[in-house]
């Protein structure tokens, strides 16, 4: 990764935090589906990113969101968990070499499977750690599923709006 790419990734990092904190935080559907589009940053990070850098980035991303949401590390935990799980999922889902994690590179079906699984895992940990008991298991599972679908739709829209710049930036 060259210096220009690192600067671009850093700017994108802060843009995702800004959008999450000031806009997406207020997006909710019927009190059940919540939008956590900042996770899209972790989904589209370059494949060749070092594992330690990926985990530290996920921790920092989650920690910053935790600070603005006034939560005690649940976003950090969920982000680090999916950052750790991501390489295993990519190798499991990929039968051929992929160079970038975008719809343009991988195709819609592959990206929806990849993003859907990681978003579900993220939201599962997020909402169950927030609830911290299984007394409302079905209601929490409904929140997880609805929020996964909502966030996935938002991430797909972002991918379609900015896919050409993301793919060209990653390949450099």
N, C-alpha and C. Protein backbone atom coordinates (compact mmCIF):
# COMPACT_ATOMS: atom_id res chain seq x y z
N UNK A 1 0.85 -1.17 0.00
CA UNK A 1 0.00 0.00 0.00
C UNK A 1 0.90 1.24 0.00
N UNK A 2 0.65 2.15 -0.90
CA UNK A 2 1.47 3.35 -0.96
C UNK A 2 0.92 4.44 -0.04
N UNK A 3 1.67 5.53 0.10
CA UNK A 3 1.29 6.60 1.02
C UNK A 3 -0.03 7.25 0.64
N UNK A 4 -0.27 7.41 -0.65
CA UNK A 4 -1.52 8.01 -1.10
C UNK A 4 -2.71 7.14 -0.71
N UNK A 5 -2.54 5.85 -0.82
CA UNK A 5 -3.61 4.92 -0.44
C UNK A 5 -3.87 4.97 1.07
N UNK A 6 -2.82 5.08 1.87
CA UNK A 6 -2.97 5.18 3.33
C UNK A 6 -3.70 6.46 3.70
N UNK A 7 -3.36 7.55 3.05
CA UNK A 7 -4.05 8.82 3.30
C UNK A 7 -5.52 8.71 2.91
N UNK A 8 -5.79 8.09 1.78
CA UNK A 8 -7.18 7.89 1.34
C UNK A 8 -7.96 7.02 2.32
N UNK A 9 -7.34 5.96 2.81
CA UNK A 9 -8.00 5.09 3.79
C UNK A 9 -8.27 5.84 5.10
N UNK A 10 -7.34 6.68 5.51
CA UNK A 10 -7.51 7.45 6.75
C UNK A 10 -8.65 8.45 6.61
N UNK A 11 -8.70 9.12 5.49
CA UNK A 11 -9.79 10.08 5.25
C UNK A 11 -11.13 9.34 5.22
N UNK A 12 -11.17 8.21 4.55
CA UNK A 12 -12.40 7.40 4.49
C UNK A 12 -12.82 6.96 5.88
N UNK A 13 -11.87 6.57 6.72
CA UNK A 13 -12.13 6.17 8.10
C UNK A 13 -12.89 7.26 8.84
N UNK A 14 -12.38 8.49 8.77
CA UNK A 14 -13.01 9.59 9.50
C UNK A 14 -14.34 10.01 8.87
N UNK A 15 -14.47 9.86 7.57
CA UNK A 15 -15.75 10.15 6.92
C UNK A 15 -16.82 9.19 7.41
N UNK A 16 -16.48 7.89 7.51
CA UNK A 16 -17.45 6.91 8.00
C UNK A 16 -17.85 7.21 9.45
N UNK A 17 -16.90 7.59 10.28
CA UNK A 17 -17.24 7.93 11.67
C UNK A 17 -18.15 9.15 11.71
N UNK A 18 -17.81 10.17 10.92
CA UNK A 18 -18.63 11.39 10.88
C UNK A 18 -20.05 11.08 10.44
N UNK A 19 -20.19 10.31 9.36
CA UNK A 19 -21.53 9.98 8.85
C UNK A 19 -22.30 9.15 9.87
N UNK A 20 -21.62 8.20 10.53
CA UNK A 20 -22.31 7.37 11.51
C UNK A 20 -22.80 8.20 12.69
N UNK A 21 -21.94 9.05 13.21
CA UNK A 21 -22.26 9.79 14.43
C UNK A 21 -23.31 10.88 14.18
N UNK A 22 -23.22 11.55 13.06
CA UNK A 22 -24.11 12.69 12.85
C UNK A 22 -25.34 12.40 11.98
N UNK A 23 -25.33 11.30 11.24
CA UNK A 23 -26.48 11.00 10.38
C UNK A 23 -27.06 9.62 10.64
N UNK A 24 -26.25 8.59 10.48
CA UNK A 24 -26.76 7.23 10.57
C UNK A 24 -27.24 6.87 11.97
N UNK A 25 -26.73 7.55 12.98
CA UNK A 25 -27.16 7.29 14.35
C UNK A 25 -28.67 7.54 14.50
N UNK A 26 -29.18 8.44 13.71
CA UNK A 26 -30.59 8.82 13.80
C UNK A 26 -31.48 8.05 12.83
N UNK A 27 -30.89 7.17 12.02
CA UNK A 27 -31.68 6.36 11.10
C UNK A 27 -32.18 5.11 11.82
N UNK A 28 -33.46 5.00 11.94
CA UNK A 28 -34.04 3.80 12.53
C UNK A 28 -35.41 3.58 11.91
N UNK A 29 -35.74 2.32 11.74
CA UNK A 29 -37.03 1.97 11.17
C UNK A 29 -37.87 1.26 12.23
N UNK A 30 -38.96 1.89 12.62
CA UNK A 30 -39.95 1.31 13.52
C UNK A 30 -39.37 0.89 14.86
N UNK A 31 -38.27 1.47 15.27
CA UNK A 31 -37.65 1.12 16.54
C UNK A 31 -37.05 -0.27 16.56
N UNK A 32 -36.92 -0.88 15.40
CA UNK A 32 -36.41 -2.25 15.32
C UNK A 32 -35.13 -2.33 14.49
N UNK A 33 -35.06 -1.60 13.40
CA UNK A 33 -33.90 -1.66 12.49
C UNK A 33 -33.06 -0.40 12.66
N UNK A 34 -31.80 -0.61 12.95
CA UNK A 34 -30.86 0.50 13.15
C UNK A 34 -29.75 0.39 12.11
N UNK A 35 -29.22 1.53 11.72
CA UNK A 35 -28.19 1.56 10.68
C UNK A 35 -26.82 1.78 11.30
N UNK A 36 -25.93 0.82 11.10
CA UNK A 36 -24.55 0.93 11.56
C UNK A 36 -23.64 0.86 10.34
N UNK A 37 -23.71 1.90 9.53
CA UNK A 37 -22.98 1.87 8.26
C UNK A 37 -21.48 2.02 8.41
N UNK A 38 -21.00 2.39 9.60
CA UNK A 38 -19.57 2.50 9.80
C UNK A 38 -18.88 1.15 9.61
N UNK A 39 -19.60 0.07 9.78
CA UNK A 39 -19.05 -1.28 9.62
C UNK A 39 -18.63 -1.50 8.17
N UNK A 40 -19.23 -0.78 7.24
CA UNK A 40 -18.86 -0.92 5.83
C UNK A 40 -17.38 -0.62 5.61
N UNK A 41 -16.81 0.25 6.44
CA UNK A 41 -15.38 0.53 6.32
C UNK A 41 -14.57 -0.75 6.52
N UNK A 42 -14.94 -1.54 7.51
CA UNK A 42 -14.24 -2.81 7.76
C UNK A 42 -14.50 -3.82 6.65
N UNK A 43 -15.69 -3.77 6.08
CA UNK A 43 -16.03 -4.72 5.02
C UNK A 43 -15.21 -4.49 3.76
N UNK A 44 -14.92 -3.24 3.44
CA UNK A 44 -14.25 -2.94 2.18
C UNK A 44 -12.77 -2.64 2.33
N UNK A 45 -12.23 -2.79 3.53
CA UNK A 45 -10.78 -2.58 3.69
C UNK A 45 -10.03 -3.51 2.76
N UNK A 46 -8.90 -3.08 2.24
CA UNK A 46 -8.14 -3.91 1.30
C UNK A 46 -7.80 -5.28 1.88
N UNK A 47 -7.83 -6.29 1.04
CA UNK A 47 -7.56 -7.66 1.46
C UNK A 47 -6.14 -7.80 1.98
N UNK A 48 -5.21 -7.09 1.38
CA UNK A 48 -3.81 -7.23 1.76
C UNK A 48 -3.46 -6.49 3.05
N UNK A 49 -4.42 -5.91 3.73
CA UNK A 49 -4.17 -5.22 5.00
C UNK A 49 -3.64 -6.23 6.02
N UNK A 50 -2.57 -5.85 6.69
CA UNK A 50 -1.98 -6.69 7.73
C UNK A 50 -3.02 -6.98 8.82
N UNK A 51 -2.99 -8.19 9.35
CA UNK A 51 -3.98 -8.62 10.34
C UNK A 51 -3.96 -7.73 11.59
N UNK A 52 -2.78 -7.39 12.09
CA UNK A 52 -2.68 -6.54 13.27
C UNK A 52 -3.23 -5.14 12.99
N UNK A 53 -2.91 -4.61 11.83
CA UNK A 53 -3.44 -3.29 11.45
C UNK A 53 -4.96 -3.35 11.35
N UNK A 54 -5.48 -4.42 10.79
CA UNK A 54 -6.93 -4.60 10.67
C UNK A 54 -7.59 -4.63 12.06
N UNK A 55 -7.02 -5.39 12.97
CA UNK A 55 -7.59 -5.49 14.32
C UNK A 55 -7.51 -4.17 15.07
N UNK A 56 -6.39 -3.48 14.94
CA UNK A 56 -6.24 -2.17 15.61
C UNK A 56 -7.18 -1.13 15.01
N UNK A 57 -7.33 -1.16 13.70
CA UNK A 57 -8.27 -0.25 13.04
C UNK A 57 -9.70 -0.52 13.48
N UNK A 58 -10.06 -1.79 13.56
CA UNK A 58 -11.40 -2.15 14.01
C UNK A 58 -11.63 -1.70 15.45
N UNK A 59 -10.62 -1.88 16.30
CA UNK A 59 -10.74 -1.45 17.68
C UNK A 59 -10.92 0.06 17.76
N UNK A 60 -10.10 0.80 17.03
CA UNK A 60 -10.20 2.26 17.04
C UNK A 60 -11.54 2.73 16.49
N UNK A 61 -11.99 2.12 15.42
CA UNK A 61 -13.29 2.47 14.84
C UNK A 61 -14.41 2.24 15.85
N UNK A 62 -14.41 1.06 16.46
CA UNK A 62 -15.43 0.75 17.47
C UNK A 62 -15.34 1.65 18.68
N UNK A 63 -14.11 1.94 19.12
CA UNK A 63 -13.92 2.79 20.29
C UNK A 63 -14.45 4.20 20.05
N UNK A 64 -14.18 4.75 18.87
CA UNK A 64 -14.69 6.09 18.56
C UNK A 64 -16.21 6.11 18.50
N UNK A 65 -16.79 5.08 17.93
CA UNK A 65 -18.26 5.00 17.90
C UNK A 65 -18.80 4.82 19.32
N UNK A 66 -18.13 4.00 20.13
CA UNK A 66 -18.54 3.83 21.53
C UNK A 66 -18.53 5.15 22.29
N UNK A 67 -17.53 5.98 22.03
CA UNK A 67 -17.45 7.28 22.70
C UNK A 67 -18.65 8.15 22.36
N UNK A 68 -19.05 8.16 21.10
CA UNK A 68 -20.17 9.00 20.69
C UNK A 68 -21.53 8.39 21.06
N UNK A 69 -21.60 7.08 21.17
CA UNK A 69 -22.86 6.42 21.52
C UNK A 69 -22.99 6.23 23.04
N UNK A 70 -21.93 6.54 23.79
CA UNK A 70 -21.91 6.37 25.24
C UNK A 70 -22.17 4.90 25.63
N UNK A 71 -21.51 4.01 24.91
CA UNK A 71 -21.59 2.59 25.23
C UNK A 71 -20.23 2.15 25.76
N UNK A 72 -20.22 1.06 26.44
CA UNK A 72 -19.00 0.64 27.13
C UNK A 72 -18.25 -0.46 26.39
N UNK A 73 -17.84 -0.19 25.17
CA UNK A 73 -17.00 -1.13 24.44
C UNK A 73 -17.70 -2.16 23.60
N UNK A 74 -19.03 -2.09 23.49
CA UNK A 74 -19.72 -3.12 22.71
C UNK A 74 -19.46 -2.97 21.21
N UNK A 75 -19.34 -1.76 20.74
CA UNK A 75 -19.01 -1.55 19.33
C UNK A 75 -17.58 -2.00 19.05
N UNK A 76 -16.69 -1.72 19.99
CA UNK A 76 -15.29 -2.15 19.84
C UNK A 76 -15.20 -3.67 19.77
N UNK A 77 -15.89 -4.35 20.67
CA UNK A 77 -15.85 -5.80 20.68
C UNK A 77 -16.40 -6.37 19.38
N UNK A 78 -17.55 -5.87 18.95
CA UNK A 78 -18.18 -6.38 17.74
C UNK A 78 -17.30 -6.13 16.51
N UNK A 79 -16.66 -4.97 16.44
CA UNK A 79 -15.79 -4.65 15.30
C UNK A 79 -14.54 -5.52 15.29
N UNK A 80 -13.91 -5.70 16.44
CA UNK A 80 -12.71 -6.53 16.52
C UNK A 80 -13.06 -7.97 16.18
N UNK A 81 -14.22 -8.43 16.63
CA UNK A 81 -14.63 -9.80 16.34
C UNK A 81 -14.78 -10.03 14.84
N UNK A 82 -15.45 -9.11 14.15
CA UNK A 82 -15.62 -9.34 12.70
C UNK A 82 -14.31 -9.11 11.95
N UNK A 83 -13.44 -8.23 12.47
CA UNK A 83 -12.13 -8.05 11.83
C UNK A 83 -11.30 -9.32 11.96
N UNK A 84 -11.42 -10.01 13.06
CA UNK A 84 -10.70 -11.27 13.25
C UNK A 84 -11.30 -12.37 12.37
N UNK A 85 -12.61 -12.39 12.26
CA UNK A 85 -13.34 -13.43 11.52
C UNK A 85 -13.28 -13.22 10.00
N UNK A 86 -13.06 -12.00 9.56
CA UNK A 86 -13.12 -11.63 8.14
C UNK A 86 -12.19 -12.44 7.22
N UNK A 87 -10.90 -12.63 7.52
CA UNK A 87 -10.05 -13.40 6.62
C UNK A 87 -10.50 -14.86 6.43
N UNK A 88 -11.02 -15.44 7.50
CA UNK A 88 -11.52 -16.81 7.41
C UNK A 88 -12.74 -16.88 6.50
N UNK A 89 -13.62 -15.90 6.62
CA UNK A 89 -14.81 -15.87 5.78
C UNK A 89 -14.44 -15.63 4.32
N UNK A 90 -13.49 -14.74 4.07
CA UNK A 90 -13.08 -14.46 2.69
C UNK A 90 -12.50 -15.72 2.06
N UNK A 91 -11.64 -16.43 2.77
CA UNK A 91 -11.06 -17.64 2.20
C UNK A 91 -12.10 -18.74 2.04
N UNK A 92 -13.10 -18.78 2.92
CA UNK A 92 -14.17 -19.77 2.81
C UNK A 92 -15.07 -19.49 1.61
N UNK A 93 -15.39 -18.23 1.37
CA UNK A 93 -16.31 -17.87 0.29
C UNK A 93 -15.63 -17.78 -1.08
N UNK A 94 -14.31 -17.55 -1.10
CA UNK A 94 -13.62 -17.31 -2.37
C UNK A 94 -13.05 -18.59 -2.94
N UNK A 95 -13.41 -18.86 -4.15
CA UNK A 95 -12.85 -19.99 -4.87
C UNK A 95 -11.71 -19.54 -5.80
N UNK A 96 -11.66 -18.26 -6.06
CA UNK A 96 -10.62 -17.70 -6.92
C UNK A 96 -10.07 -16.44 -6.25
N UNK A 97 -8.98 -15.94 -6.75
CA UNK A 97 -8.38 -14.74 -6.17
C UNK A 97 -9.23 -13.52 -6.44
N UNK A 98 -9.43 -12.74 -5.40
CA UNK A 98 -10.10 -11.45 -5.55
C UNK A 98 -9.12 -10.38 -5.10
N UNK A 99 -9.24 -9.21 -5.70
CA UNK A 99 -8.29 -8.16 -5.43
C UNK A 99 -8.87 -7.03 -4.60
N UNK A 100 -10.18 -6.89 -4.61
CA UNK A 100 -10.84 -5.84 -3.84
C UNK A 100 -12.19 -6.35 -3.37
N UNK A 101 -12.61 -5.85 -2.25
CA UNK A 101 -13.88 -6.26 -1.68
C UNK A 101 -14.95 -5.24 -2.05
N UNK A 102 -15.45 -5.36 -3.26
CA UNK A 102 -16.50 -4.47 -3.73
C UNK A 102 -17.42 -5.27 -4.64
N UNK A 103 -18.58 -4.74 -4.85
CA UNK A 103 -19.54 -5.38 -5.75
C UNK A 103 -18.98 -5.47 -7.15
N UNK A 104 -18.29 -4.43 -7.56
CA UNK A 104 -17.72 -4.40 -8.91
C UNK A 104 -16.71 -5.52 -9.12
N UNK A 105 -15.92 -5.82 -8.11
CA UNK A 105 -14.88 -6.84 -8.22
C UNK A 105 -15.41 -8.26 -7.98
N UNK A 106 -16.25 -8.43 -6.96
CA UNK A 106 -16.66 -9.78 -6.55
C UNK A 106 -18.01 -10.19 -7.09
N UNK A 107 -18.82 -9.25 -7.47
CA UNK A 107 -20.18 -9.55 -7.91
C UNK A 107 -21.16 -9.35 -6.76
N UNK A 108 -22.39 -9.10 -7.11
CA UNK A 108 -23.42 -8.79 -6.11
C UNK A 108 -23.67 -9.96 -5.16
N UNK A 109 -23.84 -11.15 -5.67
CA UNK A 109 -24.19 -12.31 -4.83
C UNK A 109 -23.10 -12.59 -3.82
N UNK A 110 -21.84 -12.60 -4.27
CA UNK A 110 -20.73 -12.87 -3.35
C UNK A 110 -20.66 -11.80 -2.29
N UNK A 111 -20.76 -10.53 -2.69
CA UNK A 111 -20.65 -9.43 -1.73
C UNK A 111 -21.79 -9.44 -0.73
N UNK A 112 -23.00 -9.75 -1.18
CA UNK A 112 -24.15 -9.80 -0.26
C UNK A 112 -23.96 -10.93 0.76
N UNK A 113 -23.47 -12.08 0.32
CA UNK A 113 -23.19 -13.18 1.26
C UNK A 113 -22.12 -12.76 2.27
N UNK A 114 -21.04 -12.22 1.76
CA UNK A 114 -19.92 -11.80 2.61
C UNK A 114 -20.36 -10.72 3.61
N UNK A 115 -20.95 -9.66 3.10
CA UNK A 115 -21.36 -8.55 3.96
C UNK A 115 -22.49 -8.97 4.89
N UNK A 116 -23.43 -9.75 4.39
CA UNK A 116 -24.55 -10.19 5.21
C UNK A 116 -24.10 -11.00 6.41
N UNK A 117 -23.17 -11.91 6.19
CA UNK A 117 -22.68 -12.74 7.30
C UNK A 117 -21.94 -11.88 8.32
N UNK A 118 -21.03 -11.03 7.85
CA UNK A 118 -20.28 -10.19 8.79
C UNK A 118 -21.17 -9.19 9.51
N UNK A 119 -22.13 -8.62 8.82
CA UNK A 119 -23.05 -7.69 9.48
C UNK A 119 -23.92 -8.40 10.50
N UNK A 120 -24.38 -9.61 10.18
CA UNK A 120 -25.19 -10.36 11.13
C UNK A 120 -24.38 -10.67 12.39
N UNK A 121 -23.14 -11.11 12.21
CA UNK A 121 -22.28 -11.42 13.36
C UNK A 121 -22.03 -10.15 14.18
N UNK A 122 -21.74 -9.04 13.51
CA UNK A 122 -21.52 -7.77 14.21
C UNK A 122 -22.75 -7.37 15.01
N UNK A 123 -23.90 -7.39 14.37
CA UNK A 123 -25.13 -6.96 15.04
C UNK A 123 -25.53 -7.92 16.14
N UNK A 124 -25.28 -9.22 15.93
CA UNK A 124 -25.60 -10.21 16.96
C UNK A 124 -24.85 -9.87 18.25
N UNK A 125 -23.53 -9.69 18.15
CA UNK A 125 -22.74 -9.36 19.34
C UNK A 125 -23.14 -8.01 19.91
N UNK A 126 -23.38 -7.06 19.05
CA UNK A 126 -23.72 -5.71 19.50
C UNK A 126 -25.01 -5.70 20.32
N UNK A 127 -26.07 -6.29 19.79
CA UNK A 127 -27.35 -6.23 20.48
C UNK A 127 -27.42 -7.17 21.68
N UNK A 128 -26.79 -8.33 21.61
CA UNK A 128 -26.83 -9.22 22.76
C UNK A 128 -25.93 -8.73 23.89
N UNK A 129 -24.84 -8.06 23.58
CA UNK A 129 -24.04 -7.45 24.65
C UNK A 129 -24.77 -6.26 25.25
N UNK A 130 -25.51 -5.55 24.42
CA UNK A 130 -26.29 -4.42 24.92
C UNK A 130 -27.43 -4.90 25.81
N UNK A 131 -28.10 -5.96 25.40
CA UNK A 131 -29.20 -6.53 26.18
C UNK A 131 -28.67 -7.25 27.41
N UNK A 132 -27.60 -7.99 27.26
CA UNK A 132 -26.86 -8.72 28.27
C UNK A 132 -27.68 -9.78 29.00
N UNK A 133 -28.74 -10.25 28.38
CA UNK A 133 -29.46 -11.42 28.87
C UNK A 133 -30.29 -12.00 27.73
N UNK A 134 -30.76 -13.20 27.95
CA UNK A 134 -31.51 -13.88 26.90
C UNK A 134 -33.02 -13.88 27.17
N UNK A 135 -33.47 -13.02 28.08
CA UNK A 135 -34.90 -13.01 28.40
C UNK A 135 -35.74 -12.52 27.23
N UNK A 136 -35.19 -11.65 26.42
CA UNK A 136 -35.91 -11.14 25.25
C UNK A 136 -35.21 -11.61 23.98
N UNK A 137 -34.91 -12.90 23.91
CA UNK A 137 -34.13 -13.47 22.83
C UNK A 137 -34.74 -13.20 21.47
N UNK A 138 -36.03 -13.46 21.32
CA UNK A 138 -36.67 -13.29 20.01
C UNK A 138 -36.75 -11.82 19.59
N UNK A 139 -37.03 -10.95 20.55
CA UNK A 139 -37.09 -9.52 20.22
C UNK A 139 -35.70 -9.01 19.81
N UNK A 140 -34.67 -9.49 20.50
CA UNK A 140 -33.31 -9.08 20.16
C UNK A 140 -32.89 -9.67 18.82
N UNK A 141 -33.28 -10.90 18.56
CA UNK A 141 -32.97 -11.52 17.27
C UNK A 141 -33.68 -10.80 16.13
N UNK A 142 -34.88 -10.30 16.38
CA UNK A 142 -35.59 -9.49 15.38
C UNK A 142 -34.81 -8.20 15.11
N UNK A 143 -34.30 -7.56 16.17
CA UNK A 143 -33.48 -6.35 16.00
C UNK A 143 -32.23 -6.65 15.19
N UNK A 144 -31.59 -7.78 15.51
CA UNK A 144 -30.37 -8.16 14.80
C UNK A 144 -30.66 -8.36 13.32
N UNK A 145 -31.70 -9.11 13.01
CA UNK A 145 -32.03 -9.41 11.61
C UNK A 145 -32.45 -8.17 10.84
N UNK A 146 -33.33 -7.37 11.44
CA UNK A 146 -33.81 -6.16 10.77
C UNK A 146 -32.67 -5.16 10.57
N UNK A 147 -31.83 -5.01 11.57
CA UNK A 147 -30.71 -4.07 11.46
C UNK A 147 -29.68 -4.56 10.44
N UNK A 148 -29.49 -5.87 10.37
CA UNK A 148 -28.58 -6.43 9.37
C UNK A 148 -29.08 -6.11 7.97
N UNK A 149 -30.35 -6.33 7.72
CA UNK A 149 -30.92 -6.02 6.40
C UNK A 149 -30.85 -4.53 6.08
N UNK A 150 -31.19 -3.71 7.04
CA UNK A 150 -31.17 -2.27 6.84
C UNK A 150 -29.74 -1.79 6.55
N UNK A 151 -28.78 -2.22 7.37
CA UNK A 151 -27.39 -1.81 7.17
C UNK A 151 -26.86 -2.35 5.85
N UNK A 152 -27.22 -3.58 5.51
CA UNK A 152 -26.78 -4.17 4.25
C UNK A 152 -27.29 -3.35 3.06
N UNK A 153 -28.54 -2.94 3.10
CA UNK A 153 -29.08 -2.11 2.02
C UNK A 153 -28.34 -0.78 1.91
N UNK A 154 -28.04 -0.16 3.04
CA UNK A 154 -27.31 1.11 3.01
C UNK A 154 -25.90 0.88 2.47
N UNK A 155 -25.24 -0.20 2.91
CA UNK A 155 -23.89 -0.50 2.42
C UNK A 155 -23.89 -0.78 0.91
N UNK A 156 -24.91 -1.46 0.42
CA UNK A 156 -25.01 -1.71 -1.02
C UNK A 156 -25.19 -0.41 -1.79
N UNK A 157 -26.02 0.49 -1.24
CA UNK A 157 -26.20 1.79 -1.90
C UNK A 157 -24.89 2.56 -1.94
N UNK A 158 -24.14 2.54 -0.86
CA UNK A 158 -22.84 3.22 -0.82
C UNK A 158 -21.89 2.59 -1.83
N UNK A 159 -21.90 1.26 -1.90
CA UNK A 159 -21.05 0.55 -2.87
C UNK A 159 -21.38 0.97 -4.29
N UNK A 160 -22.65 1.02 -4.62
CA UNK A 160 -23.04 1.39 -5.98
C UNK A 160 -22.73 2.85 -6.28
N UNK A 161 -22.81 3.71 -5.28
CA UNK A 161 -22.54 5.13 -5.52
C UNK A 161 -21.05 5.41 -5.67
N UNK A 162 -20.21 4.67 -4.94
CA UNK A 162 -18.79 4.99 -4.91
C UNK A 162 -17.89 3.83 -5.32
N UNK A 163 -18.42 2.84 -5.99
CA UNK A 163 -17.62 1.63 -6.28
C UNK A 163 -16.44 1.89 -7.19
N UNK A 164 -16.57 2.76 -8.17
CA UNK A 164 -15.44 2.97 -9.09
C UNK A 164 -14.26 3.60 -8.37
N UNK A 165 -14.50 4.54 -7.47
CA UNK A 165 -13.39 5.16 -6.76
C UNK A 165 -12.78 4.20 -5.75
N UNK A 166 -13.58 3.36 -5.12
CA UNK A 166 -13.06 2.40 -4.15
C UNK A 166 -12.18 1.38 -4.83
N UNK A 167 -12.64 0.83 -5.95
CA UNK A 167 -11.87 -0.20 -6.65
C UNK A 167 -10.58 0.35 -7.19
N UNK A 168 -10.61 1.53 -7.79
CA UNK A 168 -9.37 2.07 -8.36
C UNK A 168 -8.39 2.45 -7.26
N UNK A 169 -8.88 2.90 -6.10
CA UNK A 169 -8.00 3.26 -5.00
C UNK A 169 -7.33 2.04 -4.39
N UNK A 170 -8.02 0.94 -4.31
CA UNK A 170 -7.49 -0.28 -3.69
C UNK A 170 -6.45 -0.94 -4.59
N UNK A 171 -6.64 -0.90 -5.89
CA UNK A 171 -5.73 -1.60 -6.82
C UNK A 171 -4.38 -0.91 -6.96
N UNK A 172 -4.24 0.32 -6.53
CA UNK A 172 -2.98 1.05 -6.68
C UNK A 172 -1.93 0.53 -5.74
